[in-house]
């Protein structure tokens, strides 16, 4: 079952990339790119976000069904995202609250 979900997510993400490239969702959706802690492989995935200056907040919907955010637990790690057609680098830290919700906070580099 999880293999089916993984394939479905990959198809959904691939279909969403052209939408992200359009200006339709500019300012609300972006694609993040990061390196897996254990695998060392580079991954990209679309996410919804909110930005306040040099801080970007990504609320992870259904976090128990997703793995990507776990790369940013503890001290966090490097991440890149496209904002206003510009690739930006930052440091991301994931936090889970007492209700099980997960938020990834990205501090953008100047």
C-alpha atoms as a PDB file:
ATOM      1  CA  UNK A   1       0.000   0.000   0.000  1.00  0.00           C
ATOM      2  CA  UNK A   2       2.778   2.467   0.882  1.00  0.00           C
ATOM      3  CA  UNK A   3       4.453   1.744  -2.471  1.00  0.00           C
ATOM      4  CA  UNK A   4       1.202   2.720  -4.207  1.00  0.00           C
ATOM      5  CA  UNK A   5       1.032   5.924  -2.160  1.00  0.00           C
ATOM      6  CA  UNK A   6       4.659   6.733  -2.986  1.00  0.00           C
ATOM      7  CA  UNK A   7       4.020   6.284  -6.704  1.00  0.00           C
ATOM      8  CA  UNK A   8       0.854   8.371  -6.458  1.00  0.00           C
ATOM      9  CA  UNK A   9       2.709  11.165  -4.669  1.00  0.00           C
ATOM     10  CA  UNK A  10       5.473  11.137  -7.293  1.00  0.00           C
ATOM     11  CA  UNK A  11       2.897  11.440 -10.097  1.00  0.00           C
ATOM     12  CA  UNK A  12       1.047  14.212  -8.260  1.00  0.00           C
ATOM     13  CA  UNK A  13       4.276  16.136  -7.606  1.00  0.00           C
ATOM     14  CA  UNK A  14       5.365  15.782 -11.243  1.00  0.00           C
ATOM     15  CA  UNK A  15       1.993  17.081 -12.432  1.00  0.00           C
ATOM     16  CA  UNK A  16       2.178  20.006 -10.011  1.00  0.00           C
ATOM     17  CA  UNK A  17       5.608  21.276 -11.143  1.00  0.00           C
ATOM     18  CA  UNK A  18       4.291  23.108 -14.253  1.00  0.00           C
ATOM     19  CA  UNK A  19       1.632  24.773 -12.097  1.00  0.00           C
ATOM     20  CA  UNK A  20       4.329  25.963  -9.708  1.00  0.00           C
ATOM     21  CA  UNK A  21       6.238  27.429 -12.638  1.00  0.00           C
ATOM     22  CA  UNK A  22       3.202  29.528 -13.557  1.00  0.00           C
ATOM     23  CA  UNK A  23       2.386  32.705 -11.682  1.00  0.00           C
ATOM     24  CA  UNK A  24      -0.964  31.275 -10.573  1.00  0.00           C
ATOM     25  CA  UNK A  25       0.299  30.099  -7.193  1.00  0.00           C
ATOM     26  CA  UNK A  26       3.222  32.487  -6.855  1.00  0.00           C
ATOM     27  CA  UNK A  27       3.592  33.484  -3.219  1.00  0.00           C
ATOM     28  CA  UNK A  28       1.761  30.433  -1.856  1.00  0.00           C
ATOM     29  CA  UNK A  29       3.374  27.360  -3.405  1.00  0.00           C
ATOM     30  CA  UNK A  30       6.984  26.544  -4.125  1.00  0.00           C
ATOM     31  CA  UNK A  31       9.281  23.599  -4.649  1.00  0.00           C
ATOM     32  CA  UNK A  32      11.830  22.805  -1.985  1.00  0.00           C
ATOM     33  CA  UNK A  33      15.061  20.924  -2.655  1.00  0.00           C
ATOM     34  CA  UNK A  34      17.097  19.189   0.027  1.00  0.00           C
ATOM     35  CA  UNK A  35      19.550  16.342   0.569  1.00  0.00           C
ATOM     36  CA  UNK A  36      18.375  13.276   2.466  1.00  0.00           C
ATOM     37  CA  UNK A  37      20.225  12.793   5.743  1.00  0.00           C
ATOM     38  CA  UNK A  38      20.668   9.058   5.371  1.00  0.00           C
ATOM     39  CA  UNK A  39      20.634   8.549   1.610  1.00  0.00           C
ATOM     40  CA  UNK A  40      22.622  11.601   0.573  1.00  0.00           C
ATOM     41  CA  UNK A  41      20.284  11.863  -2.436  1.00  0.00           C
ATOM     42  CA  UNK A  42      18.781  15.149  -3.589  1.00  0.00           C
ATOM     43  CA  UNK A  43      14.994  15.424  -3.426  1.00  0.00           C
ATOM     44  CA  UNK A  44      12.490  18.061  -4.531  1.00  0.00           C
ATOM     45  CA  UNK A  45       8.867  18.367  -3.491  1.00  0.00           C
ATOM     46  CA  UNK A  46       6.150  21.023  -3.836  1.00  0.00           C
ATOM     47  CA  UNK A  47       4.900  22.694  -0.649  1.00  0.00           C
ATOM     48  CA  UNK A  48       2.603  25.503   0.437  1.00  0.00           C
ATOM     49  CA  UNK A  49       4.315  28.229   2.428  1.00  0.00           C
ATOM     50  CA  UNK A  50       3.961  31.606   4.116  1.00  0.00           C
ATOM     51  CA  UNK A  51       6.727  34.177   4.147  1.00  0.00           C
ATOM     52  CA  UNK A  52       7.522  36.966   6.563  1.00  0.00           C
ATOM     53  CA  UNK A  53      10.743  38.726   5.571  1.00  0.00           C
ATOM     54  CA  UNK A  54      13.617  36.253   5.741  1.00  0.00           C
ATOM     55  CA  UNK A  55      11.518  33.577   7.430  1.00  0.00           C
ATOM     56  CA  UNK A  56       9.458  31.016   5.533  1.00  0.00           C
ATOM     57  CA  UNK A  57       6.957  28.752   7.296  1.00  0.00           C
ATOM     58  CA  UNK A  58       5.850  25.448   5.815  1.00  0.00           C
ATOM     59  CA  UNK A  59       2.988  23.685   7.569  1.00  0.00           C
ATOM     60  CA  UNK A  60       3.199  19.973   6.852  1.00  0.00           C
ATOM     61  CA  UNK A  61      -0.230  18.521   6.133  1.00  0.00           C
ATOM     62  CA  UNK A  62      -0.660  14.876   7.271  1.00  0.00           C
ATOM     63  CA  UNK A  63       2.913  14.727   8.642  1.00  0.00           C
ATOM     64  CA  UNK A  64       2.715  11.052   9.616  1.00  0.00           C
ATOM     65  CA  UNK A  65       2.164  10.182   5.948  1.00  0.00           C
ATOM     66  CA  UNK A  66       5.230  12.168   4.820  1.00  0.00           C
ATOM     67  CA  UNK A  67       8.922  11.678   5.349  1.00  0.00           C
ATOM     68  CA  UNK A  68      10.664  14.745   3.901  1.00  0.00           C
ATOM     69  CA  UNK A  69      10.274  17.003   6.943  1.00  0.00           C
ATOM     70  CA  UNK A  70      12.113  14.509   9.163  1.00  0.00           C
ATOM     71  CA  UNK A  71      15.355  15.616   7.494  1.00  0.00           C
ATOM     72  CA  UNK A  72      15.000  18.881   9.406  1.00  0.00           C
ATOM     73  CA  UNK A  73      14.393  17.646  12.964  1.00  0.00           C
ATOM     74  CA  UNK A  74      16.840  18.468  15.736  1.00  0.00           C
ATOM     75  CA  UNK A  75      19.337  21.079  14.552  1.00  0.00           C
ATOM     76  CA  UNK A  76      17.736  21.121  11.085  1.00  0.00           C
ATOM     77  CA  UNK A  77      19.594  21.329   7.824  1.00  0.00           C
ATOM     78  CA  UNK A  78      20.161  23.155   4.540  1.00  0.00           C
ATOM     79  CA  UNK A  79      17.308  23.656   2.100  1.00  0.00           C
ATOM     80  CA  UNK A  80      16.693  25.597  -1.089  1.00  0.00           C
ATOM     81  CA  UNK A  81      13.448  26.969  -2.432  1.00  0.00           C
ATOM     82  CA  UNK A  82      12.330  29.118  -5.317  1.00  0.00           C
ATOM     83  CA  UNK A  83      10.861  32.469  -4.283  1.00  0.00           C
ATOM     84  CA  UNK A  84       9.806  35.031  -6.900  1.00  0.00           C
ATOM     85  CA  UNK A  85      11.614  33.053  -9.618  1.00  0.00           C
ATOM     86  CA  UNK A  86      14.858  33.124  -7.615  1.00  0.00           C
ATOM     87  CA  UNK A  87      16.507  30.148  -5.953  1.00  0.00           C
ATOM     88  CA  UNK A  88      17.108  30.914  -2.280  1.00  0.00           C
ATOM     89  CA  UNK A  89      19.153  28.970   0.238  1.00  0.00           C
ATOM     90  CA  UNK A  90      18.279  28.646   3.882  1.00  0.00           C
ATOM     91  CA  UNK A  91      18.388  26.586   7.047  1.00  0.00           C
ATOM     92  CA  UNK A  92      15.242  24.622   7.945  1.00  0.00           C
ATOM     93  CA  UNK A  93      14.148  23.290  11.333  1.00  0.00           C
ATOM     94  CA  UNK A  94      11.097  21.052  11.817  1.00  0.00           C
ATOM     95  CA  UNK A  95       9.073  21.127  15.013  1.00  0.00           C
ATOM     96  CA  UNK A  96       6.110  18.987  16.067  1.00  0.00           C
ATOM     97  CA  UNK A  97       3.700  20.523  18.565  1.00  0.00           C
ATOM     98  CA  UNK A  98       1.754  18.721  21.302  1.00  0.00           C
ATOM     99  CA  UNK A  99      -1.184  18.214  18.903  1.00  0.00           C
ATOM    100  CA  UNK A 100       1.000  16.392  16.354  1.00  0.00           C
ATOM    101  CA  UNK A 101       1.134  19.258  13.866  1.00  0.00           C
ATOM    102  CA  UNK A 102       4.454  19.873  12.124  1.00  0.00           C
ATOM    103  CA  UNK A 103       5.877  23.200  11.067  1.00  0.00           C
ATOM    104  CA  UNK A 104       9.150  23.663   9.191  1.00  0.00           C
ATOM    105  CA  UNK A 105      10.695  27.088   9.667  1.00  0.00           C
ATOM    106  CA  UNK A 106      13.255  28.234   7.111  1.00  0.00           C
ATOM    107  CA  UNK A 107      15.644  31.088   7.834  1.00  0.00           C
ATOM    108  CA  UNK A 108      16.754  32.436   4.457  1.00  0.00           C
ATOM    109  CA  UNK A 109      20.390  33.357   3.936  1.00  0.00           C
ATOM    110  CA  UNK A 110      21.023  36.949   2.956  1.00  0.00           C
END
